[in-house]
PDB file of N, CA and C in Angstrom:
ATOM      1  N   MET A   1       0.815  -1.291   0.283  1.00  0.00           N
ATOM      2  CA  MET A   1      -0.018   0.136  -0.023  1.00  0.00           C
ATOM      3  C   MET A   1       0.676   0.933   0.099  1.00  0.00           C
ATOM      4  N   THR A   2       0.623   1.952  -0.972  1.00  0.00           N
ATOM      5  CA  THR A   2       1.246   3.527  -0.847  1.00  0.00           C
ATOM      6  C   THR A   2       0.858   4.203   0.595  1.00  0.00           C
ATOM      7  N   GLY A   3       1.639   5.385   0.683  1.00  0.00           N
ATOM      8  CA  GLY A   3       1.544   6.293   1.819  1.00  0.00           C
ATOM      9  C   GLY A   3       0.315   7.217   1.633  1.00  0.00           C
ATOM     10  N   ALA A   4      -0.156   7.295   0.380  1.00  0.00           N
ATOM     11  CA  ALA A   4      -1.489   7.962  -0.118  1.00  0.00           C
ATOM     12  C   ALA A   4      -2.620   7.421   0.190  1.00  0.00           C
ATOM     13  N   THR A   5      -2.360   5.716   0.066  1.00  0.00           N
ATOM     14  CA  THR A   5      -3.633   5.001   0.287  1.00  0.00           C
ATOM     15  C   THR A   5      -3.832   4.981   1.865  1.00  0.00           C
ATOM     16  N   VAL A   6      -2.827   5.139   2.507  1.00  0.00           N
ATOM     17  CA  VAL A   6      -2.640   4.878   3.732  1.00  0.00           C
ATOM     18  C   VAL A   6      -3.786   6.076   4.538  1.00  0.00           C
ATOM     19  N   ARG A   7      -2.766   7.289   4.041  1.00  0.00           N
ATOM     20  CA  ARG A   7      -3.388   8.682   4.950  1.00  0.00           C
ATOM     21  C   ARG A   7      -4.650   8.822   4.222  1.00  0.00           C
ATOM     22  N   ALA A   8      -5.512   8.284   3.153  1.00  0.00           N
ATOM     23  CA  ALA A   8      -6.834   8.176   2.955  1.00  0.00           C
ATOM     24  C   ALA A   8      -7.681   6.986   3.553  1.00  0.00           C
ATOM     25  N   MET A   9      -7.019   6.161   4.049  1.00  0.00           N
ATOM     26  CA  MET A   9      -7.938   5.424   4.771  1.00  0.00           C
ATOM     27  C   MET A   9      -8.042   5.804   6.158  1.00  0.00           C
ATOM     28  N   GLU A  10      -6.579   6.093   6.721  1.00  0.00           N
ATOM     29  CA  GLU A  10      -6.675   7.144   8.291  1.00  0.00           C
ATOM     30  C   GLU A  10      -7.535   8.101   8.374  1.00  0.00           C
ATOM     31  N   LYS A  11      -7.938   8.882   7.128  1.00  0.00           N
ATOM     32  CA  LYS A  11      -8.751  10.096   6.960  1.00  0.00           C
ATOM     33  C   LYS A  11     -10.301   9.519   7.014  1.00  0.00           C
ATOM     34  N   SER A  12     -10.253   8.415   5.977  1.00  0.00           N
ATOM     35  CA  SER A  12     -11.813   7.960   6.017  1.00  0.00           C
ATOM     36  C   SER A  12     -12.385   7.421   7.759  1.00  0.00           C
ATOM     37  N   GLU A  13     -11.235   6.936   8.061  1.00  0.00           N
ATOM     38  CA  GLU A  13     -11.427   5.757   9.557  1.00  0.00           C
ATOM     39  C   GLU A  13     -11.832   6.799  10.217  1.00  0.00           C
ATOM     40  N   ALA A  14     -11.214   8.189  10.482  1.00  0.00           N
ATOM     41  CA  ALA A  14     -11.297   9.134  11.471  1.00  0.00           C
ATOM     42  C   ALA A  14     -12.809   9.720  11.370  1.00  0.00           C
ATOM     43  N   SER A  15     -13.183  10.031  10.127  1.00  0.00           N
ATOM     44  CA  SER A  15     -14.557  10.795   9.731  1.00  0.00           C
ATOM     45  C   SER A  15     -15.512   9.259   9.872  1.00  0.00           C
ATOM     46  N   GLY A  16     -15.358   8.094  10.109  1.00  0.00           N
ATOM     47  CA  GLY A  16     -16.411   7.059  10.306  1.00  0.00           C
ATOM     48  C   GLY A  16     -16.806   6.705   9.179  1.00  0.00           C
ATOM     49  N   GLY A  17     -16.079   7.072   8.058  1.00  0.00           N
ATOM     50  CA  GLY A  17     -16.549   6.276   6.698  1.00  0.00           C
ATOM     51  C   GLY A  17     -16.227   5.251   5.869  1.00  0.00           C
ATOM     52  N   ILE A  18     -15.169   5.122   6.835  1.00  0.00           N
ATOM     53  CA  ILE A  18     -14.006   3.776   6.296  1.00  0.00           C
ATOM     54  C   ILE A  18     -15.121   2.518   5.947  1.00  0.00           C
ATOM     55  N   ARG A  19     -15.038   1.572   5.062  1.00  0.00           N
ATOM     56  CA  ARG A  19     -15.742   0.637   4.539  1.00  0.00           C
ATOM     57  C   ARG A  19     -14.854  -0.592   5.190  1.00  0.00           C
ATOM     58  N   LEU A  20     -15.713  -1.491   4.941  1.00  0.00           N
ATOM     59  CA  LEU A  20     -15.362  -3.066   5.941  1.00  0.00           C
ATOM     60  C   LEU A  20     -13.883  -3.649   4.736  1.00  0.00           C
ATOM     61  N   SER A  21     -14.485  -3.454   3.449  1.00  0.00           N
ATOM     62  CA  SER A  21     -13.431  -4.194   2.119  1.00  0.00           C
ATOM     63  C   SER A  21     -12.263  -3.011   2.276  1.00  0.00           C
ATOM     64  N   THR A  22     -12.385  -1.953   2.652  1.00  0.00           N
ATOM     65  CA  THR A  22     -10.796  -1.599   2.773  1.00  0.00           C
ATOM     66  C   THR A  22     -10.163  -1.789   4.020  1.00  0.00           C
ATOM     67  N   LEU A  23     -10.836  -1.875   5.032  1.00  0.00           N
ATOM     68  CA  LEU A  23     -10.050  -2.420   6.385  1.00  0.00           C
ATOM     69  C   LEU A  23      -9.774  -3.782   5.875  1.00  0.00           C
ATOM     70  N   ARG A  24     -10.710  -4.519   5.417  1.00  0.00           N
ATOM     71  CA  ARG A  24      -9.970  -6.289   5.125  1.00  0.00           C
ATOM     72  C   ARG A  24      -8.629  -5.902   4.262  1.00  0.00           C
ATOM     73  N   ARG A  25      -8.701  -5.345   3.218  1.00  0.00           N
ATOM     74  CA  ARG A  25      -7.453  -4.990   2.676  1.00  0.00           C
ATOM     75  C   ARG A  25      -6.201  -4.608   2.767  1.00  0.00           C
ATOM     76  N   ALA A  26      -6.447  -3.926   4.076  1.00  0.00           N
ATOM     77  CA  ALA A  26      -5.191  -3.293   5.028  1.00  0.00           C
ATOM     78  C   ALA A  26      -5.076  -4.181   6.044  1.00  0.00           C
ATOM     79  N   ALA A  27      -5.825  -5.204   6.416  1.00  0.00           N
ATOM     80  CA  ALA A  27      -5.132  -6.119   7.260  1.00  0.00           C
ATOM     81  C   ALA A  27      -4.624  -7.129   6.358  1.00  0.00           C
ATOM     82  N   GLU A  28      -5.038  -7.520   5.197  1.00  0.00           N
ATOM     83  CA  GLU A  28      -4.220  -8.582   4.695  1.00  0.00           C
ATOM     84  C   GLU A  28      -2.868  -8.083   3.998  1.00  0.00           C
ATOM     85  N   ALA A  29      -3.148  -6.450   3.958  1.00  0.00           N
ATOM     86  CA  ALA A  29      -1.092  -6.281   3.655  1.00  0.00           C
ATOM     87  C   ALA A  29      -0.480  -6.338   4.726  1.00  0.00           C
ATOM     88  N   MET A  30      -1.467  -6.365   5.924  1.00  0.00           N
ATOM     89  CA  MET A  30      -0.109  -6.335   7.204  1.00  0.00           C
ATOM     90  C   MET A  30      -0.191  -7.795   7.518  1.00  0.00           C
ATOM     91  N   ASP A  31      -0.801  -8.690   6.928  1.00  0.00           N
ATOM     92  CA  ASP A  31      -0.748 -10.261   6.905  1.00  0.00           C
ATOM     93  C   ASP A  31      -1.658 -10.365   8.611  1.00  0.00           C
ATOM     94  N   CYS A  32      -2.485  -9.521   8.330  1.00  0.00           N
ATOM     95  CA  CYS A  32      -3.602  -9.746  10.081  1.00  0.00           C
ATOM     96  C   CYS A  32      -4.990 -10.193   9.104  1.00  0.00           C
ATOM     97  N   SER A  33      -5.432 -10.294  10.048  1.00  0.00           N
ATOM     98  CA  SER A  33      -7.470 -10.765  10.108  1.00  0.00           C
ATOM     99  C   SER A  33      -8.038  -9.716  10.608  1.00  0.00           C
ATOM    100  N   LEU A  34      -9.009  -9.294   9.801  1.00  0.00           N
ATOM    101  CA  LEU A  34     -10.013  -7.974  10.492  1.00  0.00           C
ATOM    102  C   LEU A  34     -10.984  -9.075  11.484  1.00  0.00           C
ATOM    103  N   VAL A  35     -11.180  -8.067  12.208  1.00  0.00           N
ATOM    104  CA  VAL A  35     -11.953  -8.825  13.411  1.00  0.00           C
ATOM    105  C   VAL A  35     -12.695  -7.633  13.736  1.00  0.00           C
ATOM    106  N   TYR A  36     -14.148  -7.787  13.593  1.00  0.00           N
ATOM    107  CA  TYR A  36     -15.304  -6.931  14.017  1.00  0.00           C
ATOM    108  C   TYR A  36     -16.495  -7.070  14.975  1.00  0.00           C
ATOM    109  N   ALA A  37     -17.040  -6.339  15.922  1.00  0.00           N
ATOM    110  CA  ALA A  37     -17.595  -7.201  17.030  1.00  0.00           C
ATOM    111  C   ALA A  37     -18.776  -5.531  17.229  1.00  0.00           C
ATOM    112  N   LEU A  38     -19.848  -6.766  17.796  1.00  0.00           N
ATOM    113  CA  LEU A  38     -20.753  -5.089  18.225  1.00  0.00           C
ATOM    114  C   LEU A  38     -20.883  -5.875  19.548  1.00  0.00           C
ATOM    115  N   ILE A  39     -20.645  -4.841  20.580  1.00  0.00           N
ATOM    116  CA  ILE A  39     -20.448  -5.225  21.835  1.00  0.00           C
ATOM    117  C   ILE A  39     -21.444  -4.288  22.731  1.00  0.00           C
ATOM    118  N   PRO A  40     -22.472  -5.109  23.648  1.00  0.00           N
ATOM    119  CA  PRO A  40     -23.679  -4.121  24.008  1.00  0.00           C
ATOM    120  C   PRO A  40     -23.304  -3.307  25.182  1.00  0.00           C
ATOM    121  N   ASN A  41     -24.189  -2.836  25.481  1.00  0.00           N
ATOM    122  CA  ASN A  41     -23.922  -1.392  26.192  1.00  0.00           C
ATOM    123  C   ASN A  41     -24.714  -1.776  27.601  1.00  0.00           C
ATOM    124  N   GLU A  42     -25.271  -2.820  27.927  1.00  0.00           N
ATOM    125  CA  GLU A  42     -25.513  -3.652  29.396  1.00  0.00           C
ATOM    126  C   GLU A  42     -25.460  -4.725  29.666  1.00  0.00           C
ATOM    127  N   SER A  43     -25.546  -5.681  30.419  1.00  0.00           N
ATOM    128  CA  SER A  43     -25.520  -6.845  30.807  1.00  0.00           C
ATOM    129  C   SER A  43     -26.095  -7.564  29.905  1.00  0.00           C
ATOM    130  N   LEU A  44     -26.562  -8.882  29.495  1.00  0.00           N
ATOM    131  CA  LEU A  44     -27.242  -9.586  29.140  1.00  0.00           C
ATOM    132  C   LEU A  44     -28.579  -9.912  29.939  1.00  0.00           C
ATOM    133  N   GLU A  45     -28.070 -10.049  31.302  1.00  0.00           N
ATOM    134  CA  GLU A  45     -29.465  -9.921  32.465  1.00  0.00           C
ATOM    135  C   GLU A  45     -30.182  -8.664  32.472  1.00  0.00           C
ATOM    136  N   GLY A  46     -29.386  -7.387  32.124  1.00  0.00           N
ATOM    137  CA  GLY A  46     -29.788  -6.090  32.211  1.00  0.00           C
ATOM    138  C   GLY A  46     -31.100  -6.524  30.810  1.00  0.00           C
ATOM    139  N   ALA A  47     -30.740  -6.658  29.704  1.00  0.00           N
ATOM    140  CA  ALA A  47     -31.244  -6.398  28.680  1.00  0.00           C
ATOM    141  C   ALA A  47     -32.793  -7.666  28.855  1.00  0.00           C
ATOM    142  N   VAL A  48     -32.437  -8.910  29.136  1.00  0.00           N
ATOM    143  CA  VAL A  48     -33.669  -9.584  29.278  1.00  0.00           C
ATOM    144  C   VAL A  48     -34.575  -9.060  30.454  1.00  0.00           C
ATOM    145  N   ARG A  49     -34.349  -8.467  31.337  1.00  0.00           N
ATOM    146  CA  ARG A  49     -34.948  -7.695  32.263  1.00  0.00           C
ATOM    147  C   ARG A  49     -35.779  -6.698  31.760  1.00  0.00           C
ATOM    148  N   ARG A  50     -34.817  -5.559  30.773  1.00  0.00           N
ATOM    149  CA  ARG A  50     -35.675  -4.689  30.359  1.00  0.00           C
ATOM    150  C   ARG A  50     -36.805  -5.213  29.319  1.00  0.00           C
ATOM    151  N   GLN A  51     -36.451  -6.298  28.407  1.00  0.00           N
ATOM    152  CA  GLN A  51     -37.519  -6.788  27.525  1.00  0.00           C
ATOM    153  C   GLN A  51     -38.590  -7.011  28.356  1.00  0.00           C
ATOM    154  N   ALA A  52     -38.247  -8.154  29.398  1.00  0.00           N
ATOM    155  CA  ALA A  52     -39.358  -8.476  30.086  1.00  0.00           C
ATOM    156  C   ALA A  52     -40.705  -7.468  30.510  1.00  0.00           C
ATOM    157  N   GLN A  53     -40.018  -6.453  31.264  1.00  0.00           N
ATOM    158  CA  GLN A  53     -40.713  -5.423  31.935  1.00  0.00           C
ATOM    159  C   GLN A  53     -41.714  -4.920  30.887  1.00  0.00           C
ATOM    160  N   ARG A  54     -40.929  -4.261  29.400  1.00  0.00           N
ATOM    161  CA  ARG A  54     -41.350  -3.737  28.317  1.00  0.00           C
ATOM    162  C   ARG A  54     -42.850  -4.602  28.061  1.00  0.00           C
ATOM    163  N   LEU A  55     -42.507  -6.135  28.276  1.00  0.00           N
ATOM    164  CA  LEU A  55     -43.618  -7.127  27.564  1.00  0.00           C
ATOM    165  C   LEU A  55     -44.701  -7.034  28.698  1.00  0.00           C
ATOM    166  N   LEU A  56     -44.192  -7.275  30.040  1.00  0.00           N
ATOM    167  CA  LEU A  56     -45.307  -6.824  31.080  1.00  0.00           C
ATOM    168  C   LEU A  56     -46.009  -5.802  30.945  1.00  0.00           C
ATOM    169  N   GLU A  57     -45.180  -4.468  30.766  1.00  0.00           N
ATOM    170  CA  GLU A  57     -46.213  -3.168  30.882  1.00  0.00           C
ATOM    171  C   GLU A  57     -47.309  -3.326  29.718  1.00  0.00           C
ATOM    172  N   GLN A  58     -46.879  -3.847  28.750  1.00  0.00           N
ATOM    173  CA  GLN A  58     -47.798  -4.111  27.232  1.00  0.00           C
ATOM    174  C   GLN A  58     -48.706  -4.874  27.362  1.00  0.00           C
ATOM    175  N   GLN A  59     -48.527  -6.343  28.295  1.00  0.00           N
ATOM    176  CA  GLN A  59     -49.979  -7.220  28.665  1.00  0.00           C
ATOM    177  C   GLN A  59     -50.451  -6.722  29.429  1.00  0.00           C
ATOM    178  N   GLU A  60     -50.193  -5.919  30.442  1.00  0.00           N
ATOM    179  CA  GLU A  60     -50.561  -5.921  31.859  1.00  0.00           C
ATOM    180  C   GLU A  60     -51.282  -4.366  31.855  1.00  0.00           C
ATOM    181  N   GLY A  61     -50.552  -3.490  31.242  1.00  0.00           N
ATOM    182  CA  GLY A  61     -50.570  -1.986  31.243  1.00  0.00           C
ATOM    183  C   GLY A  61     -52.253  -1.620  31.665  1.00  0.00           C
ATOM    184  N   ARG A  62     -52.801  -1.717  30.972  1.00  0.00           N
ATOM    185  CA  ARG A  62     -54.250  -1.094  30.696  1.00  0.00           C
ATOM    186  C   ARG A  62     -55.240  -1.919  31.536  1.00  0.00           C
ATOM    187  N   VAL A  63     -55.005  -3.064  31.947  1.00  0.00           N
ATOM    188  CA  VAL A  63     -56.006  -3.427  32.868  1.00  0.00           C
ATOM    189  C   VAL A  63     -55.358  -2.962  34.444  1.00  0.00           C
ATOM    190  N   ARG A  64     -54.070  -3.007  34.648  1.00  0.00           N
ATOM    191  CA  ARG A  64     -53.484  -2.850  35.783  1.00  0.00           C
ATOM    192  C   ARG A  64     -54.029  -0.968  36.282  1.00  0.00           C
ATOM    193  N   GLN A  65     -53.779  -0.315  35.111  1.00  0.00           N
ATOM    194  CA  GLN A  65     -54.261   1.033  35.529  1.00  0.00           C
ATOM    195  C   GLN A  65     -55.469   1.223  35.696  1.00  0.00           C
ATOM    196  N   THR A  66     -56.293   0.498  34.971  1.00  0.00           N
ATOM    197  CA  THR A  66     -57.947   0.600  35.504  1.00  0.00           C
ATOM    198  C   THR A  66     -58.383   0.127  36.693  1.00  0.00           C
ATOM    199  N   MET A  67     -57.751  -1.080  37.113  1.00  0.00           N
ATOM    200  CA  MET A  67     -57.913  -1.642  38.850  1.00  0.00           C
ATOM    201  C   MET A  67     -57.169  -0.642  39.341  1.00  0.00           C
ATOM    202  N   LEU A  68     -56.274   0.215  39.086  1.00  0.00           N
ATOM    203  CA  LEU A  68     -55.695   1.137  39.980  1.00  0.00           C
ATOM    204  C   LEU A  68     -56.415   2.100  40.097  1.00  0.00           C
ATOM    205  N   LEU A  69     -56.943   2.795  39.055  1.00  0.00           N
ATOM    206  CA  LEU A  69     -58.230   3.858  39.040  1.00  0.00           C
ATOM    207  C   LEU A  69     -59.279   3.524  39.789  1.00  0.00           C
ATOM    208  N   GLU A  70     -59.716   2.284  39.911  1.00  0.00           N
ATOM    209  CA  GLU A  70     -61.139   1.629  40.381  1.00  0.00           C
ATOM    210  C   GLU A  70     -60.761   1.774  41.793  1.00  0.00           C
ATOM    211  N   ASP A  71     -59.677   1.400  42.483  1.00  0.00           N
ATOM    212  CA  ASP A  71     -58.882   1.363  43.715  1.00  0.00           C
ATOM    213  C   ASP A  71     -59.522  -0.235  44.143  1.00  0.00           C
ATOM    214  N   GLN A  72     -58.836  -1.153  43.081  1.00  0.00           N
ATOM    215  CA  GLN A  72     -58.908  -2.442  43.033  1.00  0.00           C
ATOM    216  C   GLN A  72     -57.578  -2.953  43.337  1.00  0.00           C
ATOM    217  N   LEU A  73     -57.031  -2.391  43.310  1.00  0.00           N
ATOM    218  CA  LEU A  73     -55.559  -3.309  43.878  1.00  0.00           C
ATOM    219  C   LEU A  73     -54.840  -2.334  45.084  1.00  0.00           C
ATOM    220  N   GLY A  74     -54.275  -3.729  45.889  1.00  0.00           N
ATOM    221  CA  GLY A  74     -53.954  -2.964  47.093  1.00  0.00           C
ATOM    222  C   GLY A  74     -52.405  -2.688  46.691  1.00  0.00           C
ATOM    223  N   ASP A  75     -51.934  -1.687  47.201  1.00  0.00           N
ATOM    224  CA  ASP A  75     -50.850  -1.066  47.112  1.00  0.00           C
ATOM    225  C   ASP A  75     -49.331  -2.322  47.563  1.00  0.00           C
ATOM    226  N   ASP A  76     -49.844  -2.811  48.630  1.00  0.00           N
ATOM    227  CA  ASP A  76     -48.637  -3.858  49.215  1.00  0.00           C
ATOM    228  C   ASP A  76     -48.319  -4.868  48.428  1.00  0.00           C
ATOM    229  N   ALA A  77     -49.465  -5.271  47.754  1.00  0.00           N
ATOM    230  CA  ALA A  77     -49.431  -6.348  47.211  1.00  0.00           C
ATOM    231  C   ALA A  77     -48.957  -6.433  45.590  1.00  0.00           C
ATOM    232  N   LEU A  78     -48.821  -5.306  45.248  1.00  0.00           N
ATOM    233  CA  LEU A  78     -48.670  -4.678  43.811  1.00  0.00           C
ATOM    234  C   LEU A  78     -47.341  -5.014  43.528  1.00  0.00           C
ATOM    235  N   PRO A  79     -46.233  -4.581  44.022  1.00  0.00           N
ATOM    236  CA  PRO A  79     -44.732  -5.000  43.732  1.00  0.00           C
ATOM    237  C   PRO A  79     -44.585  -6.282  43.850  1.00  0.00           C
ATOM    238  N   THR A  80     -45.013  -7.154  44.724  1.00  0.00           N
ATOM    239  CA  THR A  80     -44.510  -8.567  44.792  1.00  0.00           C
ATOM    240  C   THR A  80     -45.275  -9.415  43.574  1.00  0.00           C
ATOM    241  N   ALA A  81     -46.359  -8.769  43.260  1.00  0.00           N
ATOM    242  CA  ALA A  81     -47.009 -10.031  42.364  1.00  0.00           C
ATOM    243  C   ALA A  81     -46.668  -9.186  41.034  1.00  0.00           C
ATOM    244  N   TRP A  82     -46.077  -8.293  40.603  1.00  0.00           N
ATOM    245  CA  TRP A  82     -45.732  -7.589  39.712  1.00  0.00           C
ATOM    246  C   TRP A  82     -44.091  -8.145  39.468  1.00  0.00           C
ATOM    247  N   GLU A  83     -43.300  -8.679  40.685  1.00  0.00           N
ATOM    248  CA  GLU A  83     -42.346  -9.108  40.411  1.00  0.00           C
ATOM    249  C   GLU A  83     -42.202 -10.647  40.120  1.00  0.00           C
ATOM    250  N   ARG A  84     -43.262 -11.309  40.421  1.00  0.00           N
ATOM    251  CA  ARG A  84     -43.649 -12.994  40.356  1.00  0.00           C
ATOM    252  C   ARG A  84     -43.835 -12.976  39.114  1.00  0.00           C
ATOM    253  N   ARG A  85     -44.951 -11.865  38.461  1.00  0.00           N
ATOM    254  CA  ARG A  85     -45.217 -12.050  36.869  1.00  0.00           C
ATOM    255  C   ARG A  85     -43.927 -11.731  35.922  1.00  0.00           C
ATOM    256  N   LEU A  86     -43.263 -10.566  36.436  1.00  0.00           N
ATOM    257  CA  LEU A  86     -42.323 -10.728  35.539  1.00  0.00           C
ATOM    258  C   LEU A  86     -40.747 -11.579  35.356  1.00  0.00           C
ATOM    259  N   GLN A  87     -40.620 -11.966  36.978  1.00  0.00           N
ATOM    260  CA  GLN A  87     -39.873 -13.321  36.814  1.00  0.00           C
ATOM    261  C   GLN A  87     -40.713 -14.573  35.805  1.00  0.00           C
ATOM    262  N   SER A  88     -41.771 -14.784  35.992  1.00  0.00           N
ATOM    263  CA  SER A  88     -42.642 -15.483  35.309  1.00  0.00           C
ATOM    264  C   SER A  88     -42.138 -15.596  33.394  1.00  0.00           C
ATOM    265  N   LEU A  89     -42.193 -14.572  33.303  1.00  0.00           N
ATOM    266  CA  LEU A  89     -42.027 -13.786  32.009  1.00  0.00           C
ATOM    267  C   LEU A  89     -40.344 -14.267  31.414  1.00  0.00           C
ATOM    268  N   ILE A  90     -39.462 -13.931  32.113  1.00  0.00           N
ATOM    269  CA  ILE A  90     -38.262 -14.079  32.116  1.00  0.00           C
ATOM    270  C   ILE A  90     -37.920 -15.732  32.114  1.00  0.00           C
ATOM    271  N   ASP A  91     -38.697 -16.377  32.952  1.00  0.00           N
ATOM    272  CA  ASP A  91     -38.086 -17.570  33.037  1.00  0.00           C
ATOM    273  C   ASP A  91     -38.848 -18.291  31.506  1.00  0.00           C
ATOM    274  N   SER A  92     -39.832 -17.622  30.979  1.00  0.00           N
ATOM    275  CA  SER A  92     -40.545 -18.511  29.667  1.00  0.00           C
ATOM    276  C   SER A  92     -39.701 -18.522  28.955  1.00  0.00           C
ATOM    277  N   ARG A  93     -38.595 -17.843  28.769  1.00  0.00           N
ATOM    278  CA  ARG A  93     -37.778 -17.629  27.631  1.00  0.00           C
ATOM    279  C   ARG A  93     -38.269 -17.371  26.021  1.00  0.00           C
ATOM    280  N   GLY A  94     -39.011 -16.694  25.825  1.00  0.00           N
ATOM    281  CA  GLY A  94     -39.772 -16.682  24.810  1.00  0.00           C
ATOM    282  C   GLY A  94     -39.804 -14.616  24.662  1.00  0.00           C
ATOM    283  N   LEU A  95     -38.599 -14.190  25.571  1.00  0.00           N
ATOM    284  CA  LEU A  95     -39.220 -12.644  25.428  1.00  0.00           C
ATOM    285  C   LEU A  95     -39.080 -11.858  24.187  1.00  0.00           C
ATOM    286  N   TRP A  96     -38.400 -12.580  23.211  1.00  0.00           N
ATOM    287  CA  TRP A  96     -38.393 -11.900  21.669  1.00  0.00           C
ATOM    288  C   TRP A  96     -39.167 -12.831  20.820  1.00  0.00           C
ATOM    289  N   SER A  97     -40.027 -13.502  21.389  1.00  0.00           N
ATOM    290  CA  SER A  97     -40.904 -14.257  20.511  1.00  0.00           C
ATOM    291  C   SER A  97     -42.337 -13.721  20.135  1.00  0.00           C
ATOM    292  N   ARG A  98     -42.929 -14.015  18.594  1.00  0.00           N
ATOM    293  CA  ARG A  98     -44.360 -13.090  18.413  1.00  0.00           C
ATOM    294  C   ARG A  98     -45.556 -13.618  19.727  1.00  0.00           C
ATOM    295  N   GLU A  99     -45.386 -14.799  20.113  1.00  0.00           N
ATOM    296  CA  GLU A  99     -46.334 -15.120  20.893  1.00  0.00           C
ATOM    297  C   GLU A  99     -46.618 -14.340  22.198  1.00  0.00           C
ATOM    298  N   HIS A 100     -45.670 -13.380  22.493  1.00  0.00           N
ATOM    299  CA  HIS A 100     -45.579 -12.632  23.948  1.00  0.00           C
ATOM    300  C   HIS A 100     -46.310 -11.494  23.516  1.00  0.00           C
ATOM    301  N   HIS A 101     -45.576 -10.996  22.080  1.00  0.00           N
ATOM    302  CA  HIS A 101     -45.950  -9.739  21.223  1.00  0.00           C
ATOM    303  C   HIS A 101     -47.883  -9.668  21.158  1.00  0.00           C
ATOM    304  N   GLU A 102     -47.884 -10.761  20.949  1.00  0.00           N
ATOM    305  CA  GLU A 102     -49.493 -10.668  20.486  1.00  0.00           C
ATOM    306  C   GLU A 102     -50.701 -11.060  21.452  1.00  0.00           C
ATOM    307  N   SER A 103     -49.753 -11.106  22.860  1.00  0.00           N
ATOM    308  CA  SER A 103     -50.911 -11.338  24.263  1.00  0.00           C
ATOM    309  C   SER A 103     -51.516 -10.377  24.283  1.00  0.00           C
TER     310      SER A 103
END
């Protein structure tokens, strides 16, 4: 690779516009392998819990709100029952399946 090619690659990399094919060629020129990865910003456990909470809110949100408005839910039982349903949803291992989204 020429110096001009390397400088052009560095410039496109700095601006976030470099292509994978360009990086692959550079790696080959240096007798390297190109490896790229996506790294989550949170733990798997956190992502699972967040997804379960979202689904549970979708499934039970309207009923729960109506019952609260009609004063049919006891405040003391609410967190425990919610946590049990949340854990049950997590344990079902179908958080990203269509079946849970259509409930």
